[in-house]
Amino acid sequence: MSDSHRRPVPLNKAYRLLNHGPTVLVSAAHDGQRNIMAAAWAMPLDFEPPKVAVVLDKSTWTRQLLEASGTFVLNVPCVNQADIVQTVGNTSGLDITRTQGQDKFQAYGLQTFAGEQVEAPLLEGCVAWLECRLLPEPRNHEQYDLFLAEVIAAQADERVFSDGRWHFEGHDGLRTLHHVAGGHFLTIGDGVDGKTLTV
């Protein structure tokens, strides 16, 4: 995807980029090193300022980088990237760097672009990107592997997200992924509008 389809998302609508529960790719960078990993447990927490939560295991290098930098990106991948999601979710960036002298982005030919607010790379081809500033909560980090952050910039692919709404019709390859287990994903389906019942 070229940047011609990326549009800023008002921060008071940024929670809608995650409200439907997609798998995300967490990218972080610090001191010239960068990494990316998959995370199935991410969610919006607040409207204004927008906040998010994500669970990151203690063993991950991405977690170490985001703790050191205080920032990270939640990239929202799509069906076209299922193999990438599976790959970066099941490989160690630290091992790749130590054995091959390159990071996951280089090893798998992942294209990135620079964010507006953070050092972490944003992955091309995703359908949304949330740049985040870590809210330090050491007890949550250590006891629950839970990280809270404020969203400080957000973008989305206007082909499937505009006017604060997801609309995937005609773009099946851009539907978001929802991890079940063992490399199996569901994709977001068609939208249905509900009506408020009268009493």
C-alpha atoms as a PDB file:
ATOM      1  CA  MET A   1       0.000   0.000   0.000  1.00  0.00           C
ATOM      2  CA  SER A   2       1.280   3.439  -0.822  1.00  0.00           C
ATOM      3  CA  ASP A   3       0.899   6.300   1.575  1.00  0.00           C
ATOM      4  CA  SER A   4      -1.812   7.710  -0.696  1.00  0.00           C
ATOM      5  CA  HIS A   5      -4.380   5.673   1.275  1.00  0.00           C
ATOM      6  CA  ARG A   6      -3.116   6.561   4.770  1.00  0.00           C
ATOM      7  CA  ARG A   7      -5.094   9.246   6.559  1.00  0.00           C
ATOM      8  CA  PRO A   8      -4.765  10.680  10.051  1.00  0.00           C
ATOM      9  CA  VAL A   9      -7.438   9.548  12.478  1.00  0.00           C
ATOM     10  CA  PRO A  10      -8.744  12.051  15.051  1.00  0.00           C
ATOM     11  CA  LEU A  11      -7.516  10.887  18.427  1.00  0.00           C
ATOM     12  CA  ASN A  12     -11.040  10.859  19.855  1.00  0.00           C
ATOM     13  CA  LYS A  13     -11.854   8.137  17.279  1.00  0.00           C
ATOM     14  CA  ALA A  14      -8.575   6.207  17.651  1.00  0.00           C
ATOM     15  CA  TYR A  15     -10.142   3.643  20.016  1.00  0.00           C
ATOM     16  CA  ARG A  16     -12.287   2.431  17.115  1.00  0.00           C
ATOM     17  CA  LEU A  17      -9.168   1.128  15.388  1.00  0.00           C
ATOM     18  CA  LEU A  18      -8.961  -1.554  18.115  1.00  0.00           C
ATOM     19  CA  ASN A  19     -12.529  -1.794  19.386  1.00  0.00           C
ATOM     20  CA  HIS A  20     -13.303  -4.801  17.176  1.00  0.00           C
ATOM     21  CA  GLY A  21     -10.523  -6.867  18.781  1.00  0.00           C
ATOM     22  CA  PRO A  22      -7.929  -7.462  16.043  1.00  0.00           C
ATOM     23  CA  THR A  23      -4.566  -9.136  16.446  1.00  0.00           C
ATOM     24  CA  VAL A  24      -1.884  -6.436  16.453  1.00  0.00           C
ATOM     25  CA  LEU A  25       1.796  -6.268  15.648  1.00  0.00           C
ATOM     26  CA  VAL A  26       3.755  -4.395  18.306  1.00  0.00           C
ATOM     27  CA  SER A  27       6.858  -2.604  17.076  1.00  0.00           C
ATOM     28  CA  ALA A  28       9.413  -0.869  19.257  1.00  0.00           C
ATOM     29  CA  ALA A  29      12.848   0.672  18.853  1.00  0.00           C
ATOM     30  CA  HIS A  30      15.595   1.852  21.165  1.00  0.00           C
ATOM     31  CA  ASP A  31      19.242   2.809  20.765  1.00  0.00           C
ATOM     32  CA  GLY A  32      19.389   1.800  17.085  1.00  0.00           C
ATOM     33  CA  GLN A  33      17.691  -1.568  17.591  1.00  0.00           C
ATOM     34  CA  ARG A  34      14.130  -2.448  16.579  1.00  0.00           C
ATOM     35  CA  ASN A  35      11.768  -5.394  16.696  1.00  0.00           C
ATOM     36  CA  ILE A  36       8.215  -6.441  15.933  1.00  0.00           C
ATOM     37  CA  MET A  37       6.005  -9.126  17.483  1.00  0.00           C
ATOM     38  CA  ALA A  38       2.392 -10.294  17.325  1.00  0.00           C
ATOM     39  CA  ALA A  39       0.007  -9.733  20.228  1.00  0.00           C
ATOM     40  CA  ALA A  40      -3.552 -11.026  20.391  1.00  0.00           C
ATOM     41  CA  TRP A  41      -4.421  -9.339  23.681  1.00  0.00           C
ATOM     42  CA  ALA A  42      -4.761  -5.616  22.990  1.00  0.00           C
ATOM     43  CA  MET A  43      -7.685  -3.309  23.609  1.00  0.00           C
ATOM     44  CA  PRO A  44      -8.755   0.324  23.875  1.00  0.00           C
ATOM     45  CA  LEU A  45      -9.186   1.718  27.392  1.00  0.00           C
ATOM     46  CA  ASP A  46     -10.290   5.308  27.177  1.00  0.00           C
ATOM     47  CA  PHE A  47     -11.572   7.971  24.784  1.00  0.00           C
ATOM     48  CA  GLU A  48      -9.867  11.270  25.583  1.00  0.00           C
ATOM     49  CA  PRO A  49      -7.013  11.079  25.873  1.00  0.00           C
ATOM     50  CA  PRO A  50      -7.149   7.730  24.086  1.00  0.00           C
ATOM     51  CA  LYS A  51      -5.462   4.889  25.942  1.00  0.00           C
ATOM     52  CA  VAL A  52      -4.767   1.257  25.102  1.00  0.00           C
ATOM     53  CA  ALA A  53      -3.663  -1.892  26.903  1.00  0.00           C
ATOM     54  CA  VAL A  54      -1.527  -4.723  25.562  1.00  0.00           C
ATOM     55  CA  VAL A  55      -0.128  -7.878  27.177  1.00  0.00           C
ATOM     56  CA  LEU A  56       3.561  -8.572  26.453  1.00  0.00           C
ATOM     57  CA  ASP A  57       5.396 -11.566  27.868  1.00  0.00           C
ATOM     58  CA  LYS A  58       8.535 -10.942  29.917  1.00  0.00           C
ATOM     59  CA  SER A  59      10.625 -13.008  27.507  1.00  0.00           C
ATOM     60  CA  THR A  60      10.060 -10.768  24.480  1.00  0.00           C
ATOM     61  CA  TRP A  61      12.684  -8.431  23.113  1.00  0.00           C
ATOM     62  CA  THR A  62      10.009  -6.013  21.899  1.00  0.00           C
ATOM     63  CA  ARG A  63       8.973  -5.563  25.525  1.00  0.00           C
ATOM     64  CA  GLN A  64      12.545  -4.740  26.514  1.00  0.00           C
ATOM     65  CA  LEU A  65      12.822  -2.168  23.729  1.00  0.00           C
ATOM     66  CA  LEU A  66       9.519  -0.465  24.552  1.00  0.00           C
ATOM     67  CA  GLU A  67      10.314  -0.353  28.256  1.00  0.00           C
ATOM     68  CA  ALA A  68      13.645   1.300  27.443  1.00  0.00           C
ATOM     69  CA  SER A  69      12.222   3.783  24.927  1.00  0.00           C
ATOM     70  CA  GLY A  70       8.869   4.477  26.564  1.00  0.00           C
ATOM     71  CA  THR A  71       7.089   4.320  23.195  1.00  0.00           C
ATOM     72  CA  PHE A  72       5.772   1.727  20.748  1.00  0.00           C
ATOM     73  CA  VAL A  73       3.382   1.210  17.836  1.00  0.00           C
ATOM     74  CA  LEU A  74       0.316  -0.999  17.544  1.00  0.00           C
ATOM     75  CA  ASN A  75       0.145  -1.945  13.858  1.00  0.00           C
ATOM     76  CA  VAL A  76      -3.187  -3.501  12.807  1.00  0.00           C
ATOM     77  CA  PRO A  77      -2.432  -6.139  10.130  1.00  0.00           C
ATOM     78  CA  CYS A  78      -4.818  -7.595   7.578  1.00  0.00           C
ATOM     79  CA  VAL A  79      -5.573 -10.871   5.776  1.00  0.00           C
ATOM     80  CA  ASN A  80      -2.889 -10.120   3.180  1.00  0.00           C
ATOM     81  CA  GLN A  81      -0.343 -10.223   6.020  1.00  0.00           C
ATOM     82  CA  ALA A  82      -1.388 -13.473   7.749  1.00  0.00           C
ATOM     83  CA  ASP A  83       1.958 -15.138   7.001  1.00  0.00           C
ATOM     84  CA  ILE A  84       3.840 -12.109   8.319  1.00  0.00           C
ATOM     85  CA  VAL A  85       1.769 -12.129  11.520  1.00  0.00           C
ATOM     86  CA  GLN A  86       2.415 -15.845  12.025  1.00  0.00           C
ATOM     87  CA  THR A  87       6.125 -15.436  11.282  1.00  0.00           C
ATOM     88  CA  VAL A  88       6.904 -12.445  13.506  1.00  0.00           C
ATOM     89  CA  GLY A  89       4.775 -13.976  16.247  1.00  0.00           C
ATOM     90  CA  ASN A  90       6.811 -17.184  16.249  1.00  0.00           C
ATOM     91  CA  THR A  91      10.377 -15.994  15.761  1.00  0.00           C
ATOM     92  CA  SER A  92      12.782 -14.271  18.100  1.00  0.00           C
ATOM     93  CA  GLY A  93      14.107 -10.954  16.871  1.00  0.00           C
ATOM     94  CA  LEU A  94      16.949 -11.144  19.358  1.00  0.00           C
ATOM     95  CA  ASP A  95      17.988 -14.583  18.040  1.00  0.00           C
ATOM     96  CA  ILE A  96      17.804 -13.383  14.433  1.00  0.00           C
ATOM     97  CA  THR A  97      19.908 -10.335  15.267  1.00  0.00           C
ATOM     98  CA  ARG A  98      22.510 -12.411  17.121  1.00  0.00           C
ATOM     99  CA  THR A  99      22.788 -15.151  14.482  1.00  0.00           C
ATOM    100  CA  GLN A 100      22.216 -13.225  11.251  1.00  0.00           C
ATOM    101  CA  GLY A 101      23.242  -9.679  12.101  1.00  0.00           C
ATOM    102  CA  GLN A 102      19.897  -8.269  10.960  1.00  0.00           C
ATOM    103  CA  ASP A 103      16.528  -7.593  12.540  1.00  0.00           C
ATOM    104  CA  LYS A 104      13.143  -9.142  11.698  1.00  0.00           C
ATOM    105  CA  PHE A 105      12.323  -6.315   9.312  1.00  0.00           C
ATOM    106  CA  GLN A 106      15.467  -6.973   7.272  1.00  0.00           C
ATOM    107  CA  ALA A 107      15.298 -10.770   7.573  1.00  0.00           C
ATOM    108  CA  TYR A 108      11.734 -10.966   6.215  1.00  0.00           C
ATOM    109  CA  GLY A 109      11.834  -7.968   3.876  1.00  0.00           C
ATOM    110  CA  LEU A 110       9.261  -5.996   5.870  1.00  0.00           C
ATOM    111  CA  GLN A 111       8.808  -2.439   4.606  1.00  0.00           C
ATOM    112  CA  THR A 112       8.293   0.337   7.138  1.00  0.00           C
ATOM    113  CA  PHE A 113       7.680   4.048   7.306  1.00  0.00           C
ATOM    114  CA  ALA A 114       8.372   6.647   9.963  1.00  0.00           C
ATOM    115  CA  GLY A 115       5.740   7.654  12.458  1.00  0.00           C
ATOM    116  CA  GLU A 116       4.766  11.148  13.473  1.00  0.00           C
ATOM    117  CA  GLN A 117       5.635  10.899  17.175  1.00  0.00           C
ATOM    118  CA  VAL A 118       7.721   7.804  17.972  1.00  0.00           C
ATOM    119  CA  GLU A 119      10.970   6.185  16.916  1.00  0.00           C
ATOM    120  CA  ALA A 120       9.447   2.720  16.436  1.00  0.00           C
ATOM    121  CA  PRO A 121       8.842   1.756  12.791  1.00  0.00           C
ATOM    122  CA  LEU A 122       5.338   1.474  11.343  1.00  0.00           C
ATOM    123  CA  LEU A 123       4.756  -1.567   9.124  1.00  0.00           C
ATOM    124  CA  GLU A 124       3.606  -0.956   5.545  1.00  0.00           C
ATOM    125  CA  GLY A 125       0.533  -2.847   4.387  1.00  0.00           C
ATOM    126  CA  CYS A 126      -1.348  -2.702   7.681  1.00  0.00           C
ATOM    127  CA  VAL A 127      -4.760  -1.062   7.868  1.00  0.00           C
ATOM    128  CA  ALA A 128      -4.175   1.031  11.006  1.00  0.00           C
ATOM    129  CA  TRP A 129      -1.332   2.327  13.134  1.00  0.00           C
ATOM    130  CA  LEU A 130      -1.441   3.678  16.689  1.00  0.00           C
ATOM    131  CA  GLU A 131       1.651   5.413  18.009  1.00  0.00           C
ATOM    132  CA  CYS A 132       1.762   5.037  21.777  1.00  0.00           C
ATOM    133  CA  ARG A 133       3.512   6.556  24.794  1.00  0.00           C
ATOM    134  CA  LEU A 134       3.954   4.112  27.671  1.00  0.00           C
ATOM    135  CA  LEU A 135       2.231   4.929  30.960  1.00  0.00           C
ATOM    136  CA  PRO A 136       4.662   3.506  33.528  1.00  0.00           C
ATOM    137  CA  GLU A 137       2.917   1.062  35.832  1.00  0.00           C
ATOM    138  CA  PRO A 138       5.745  -1.194  37.111  1.00  0.00           C
ATOM    139  CA  ARG A 139       3.436  -3.392  39.202  1.00  0.00           C
ATOM    140  CA  ASN A 140       1.192  -4.128  36.200  1.00  0.00           C
ATOM    141  CA  HIS A 141       4.230  -4.806  34.024  1.00  0.00           C
ATOM    142  CA  GLU A 142       5.818  -7.236  36.435  1.00  0.00           C
ATOM    143  CA  GLN A 143       2.780  -8.975  37.885  1.00  0.00           C
ATOM    144  CA  TYR A 144       0.454  -9.113  34.868  1.00  0.00           C
ATOM    145  CA  ASP A 145       2.654  -8.374  31.806  1.00  0.00           C
ATOM    146  CA  LEU A 146       0.121  -5.596  31.177  1.00  0.00           C
ATOM    147  CA  PHE A 147       1.180  -2.356  29.510  1.00  0.00           C
ATOM    148  CA  LEU A 148      -0.961   0.767  29.358  1.00  0.00           C
ATOM    149  CA  ALA A 149      -0.257   3.587  26.959  1.00  0.00           C
ATOM    150  CA  GLU A 150      -1.654   6.827  25.618  1.00  0.00           C
ATOM    151  CA  VAL A 151      -2.227   6.980  21.865  1.00  0.00           C
ATOM    152  CA  ILE A 152      -0.419  10.082  20.629  1.00  0.00           C
ATOM    153  CA  ALA A 153      -0.923   9.644  16.865  1.00  0.00           C
ATOM    154  CA  ALA A 154      -3.111   7.382  14.736  1.00  0.00           C
ATOM    155  CA  GLN A 155      -3.540   6.632  11.048  1.00  0.00           C
ATOM    156  CA  ALA A 156      -5.706   4.246   9.040  1.00  0.00           C
ATOM    157  CA  ASP A 157      -6.136   3.053   5.472  1.00  0.00           C
ATOM    158  CA  GLU A 158      -9.044   5.118   4.187  1.00  0.00           C
ATOM    159  CA  ARG A 159     -10.186   2.275   1.920  1.00  0.00           C
ATOM    160  CA  VAL A 160     -11.418   0.392   4.996  1.00  0.00           C
ATOM    161  CA  PHE A 161     -11.626   3.027   7.753  1.00  0.00           C
ATOM    162  CA  SER A 162     -13.077   6.502   7.322  1.00  0.00           C
ATOM    163  CA  ASP A 163     -15.429   8.828   9.178  1.00  0.00           C
ATOM    164  CA  GLY A 164     -14.674   6.868  12.351  1.00  0.00           C
ATOM    165  CA  ARG A 165     -15.932   3.533  10.946  1.00  0.00           C
ATOM    166  CA  TRP A 166     -14.559   0.302   9.545  1.00  0.00           C
ATOM    167  CA  HIS A 167     -16.026  -0.702   6.136  1.00  0.00           C
ATOM    168  CA  PHE A 168     -14.363  -3.738   4.537  1.00  0.00           C
ATOM    169  CA  GLU A 169     -16.813  -4.419   1.691  1.00  0.00           C
ATOM    170  CA  GLY A 170     -14.906  -4.953  -1.551  1.00  0.00           C
ATOM    171  CA  HIS A 171     -11.560  -5.224   0.250  1.00  0.00           C
ATOM    172  CA  ASP A 172     -11.411  -8.803   1.569  1.00  0.00           C
ATOM    173  CA  GLY A 173      -7.607  -8.826   1.631  1.00  0.00           C
ATOM    174  CA  LEU A 174      -7.673  -5.821   3.981  1.00  0.00           C
ATOM    175  CA  ARG A 175      -9.993  -7.397   6.570  1.00  0.00           C
ATOM    176  CA  THR A 176      -8.436  -7.549  10.016  1.00  0.00           C
ATOM    177  CA  LEU A 177      -7.174 -10.767  11.614  1.00  0.00           C
ATOM    178  CA  HIS A 178      -8.399 -12.226  14.906  1.00  0.00           C
ATOM    179  CA  HIS A 179      -6.135 -14.901  16.389  1.00  0.00           C
ATOM    180  CA  VAL A 180      -7.790 -17.979  17.870  1.00  0.00           C
ATOM    181  CA  ALA A 181      -4.829 -20.279  18.600  1.00  0.00           C
ATOM    182  CA  GLY A 182      -2.045 -22.243  16.943  1.00  0.00           C
ATOM    183  CA  GLY A 183      -1.687 -19.987  13.904  1.00  0.00           C
ATOM    184  CA  HIS A 184      -5.417 -20.041  13.154  1.00  0.00           C
ATOM    185  CA  PHE A 185      -7.136 -16.714  12.549  1.00  0.00           C
ATOM    186  CA  LEU A 186     -10.673 -15.562  11.947  1.00  0.00           C
ATOM    187  CA  THR A 187     -11.293 -12.509   9.786  1.00  0.00           C
ATOM    188  CA  ILE A 188     -13.642  -9.667  10.507  1.00  0.00           C
ATOM    189  CA  GLY A 189     -16.978 -10.139   8.794  1.00  0.00           C
ATOM    190  CA  ASP A 190     -19.527  -7.770   7.355  1.00  0.00           C
ATOM    191  CA  GLY A 191     -20.940  -4.983   9.451  1.00  0.00           C
ATOM    192  CA  VAL A 192     -24.446  -4.987  10.878  1.00  0.00           C
ATOM    193  CA  ASP A 193     -26.100  -1.882  12.318  1.00  0.00           C
ATOM    194  CA  GLY A 194     -28.261  -2.333  15.402  1.00  0.00           C
ATOM    195  CA  LYS A 195     -31.271  -0.219  16.286  1.00  0.00           C
ATOM    196  CA  THR A 196     -32.329   0.815  19.775  1.00  0.00           C
ATOM    197  CA  LEU A 197     -35.581  -0.848  20.783  1.00  0.00           C
ATOM    198  CA  THR A 198     -38.374   1.305  22.119  1.00  0.00           C
ATOM    199  CA  VAL A 199     -39.994   0.596  25.457  1.00  0.00           C
END
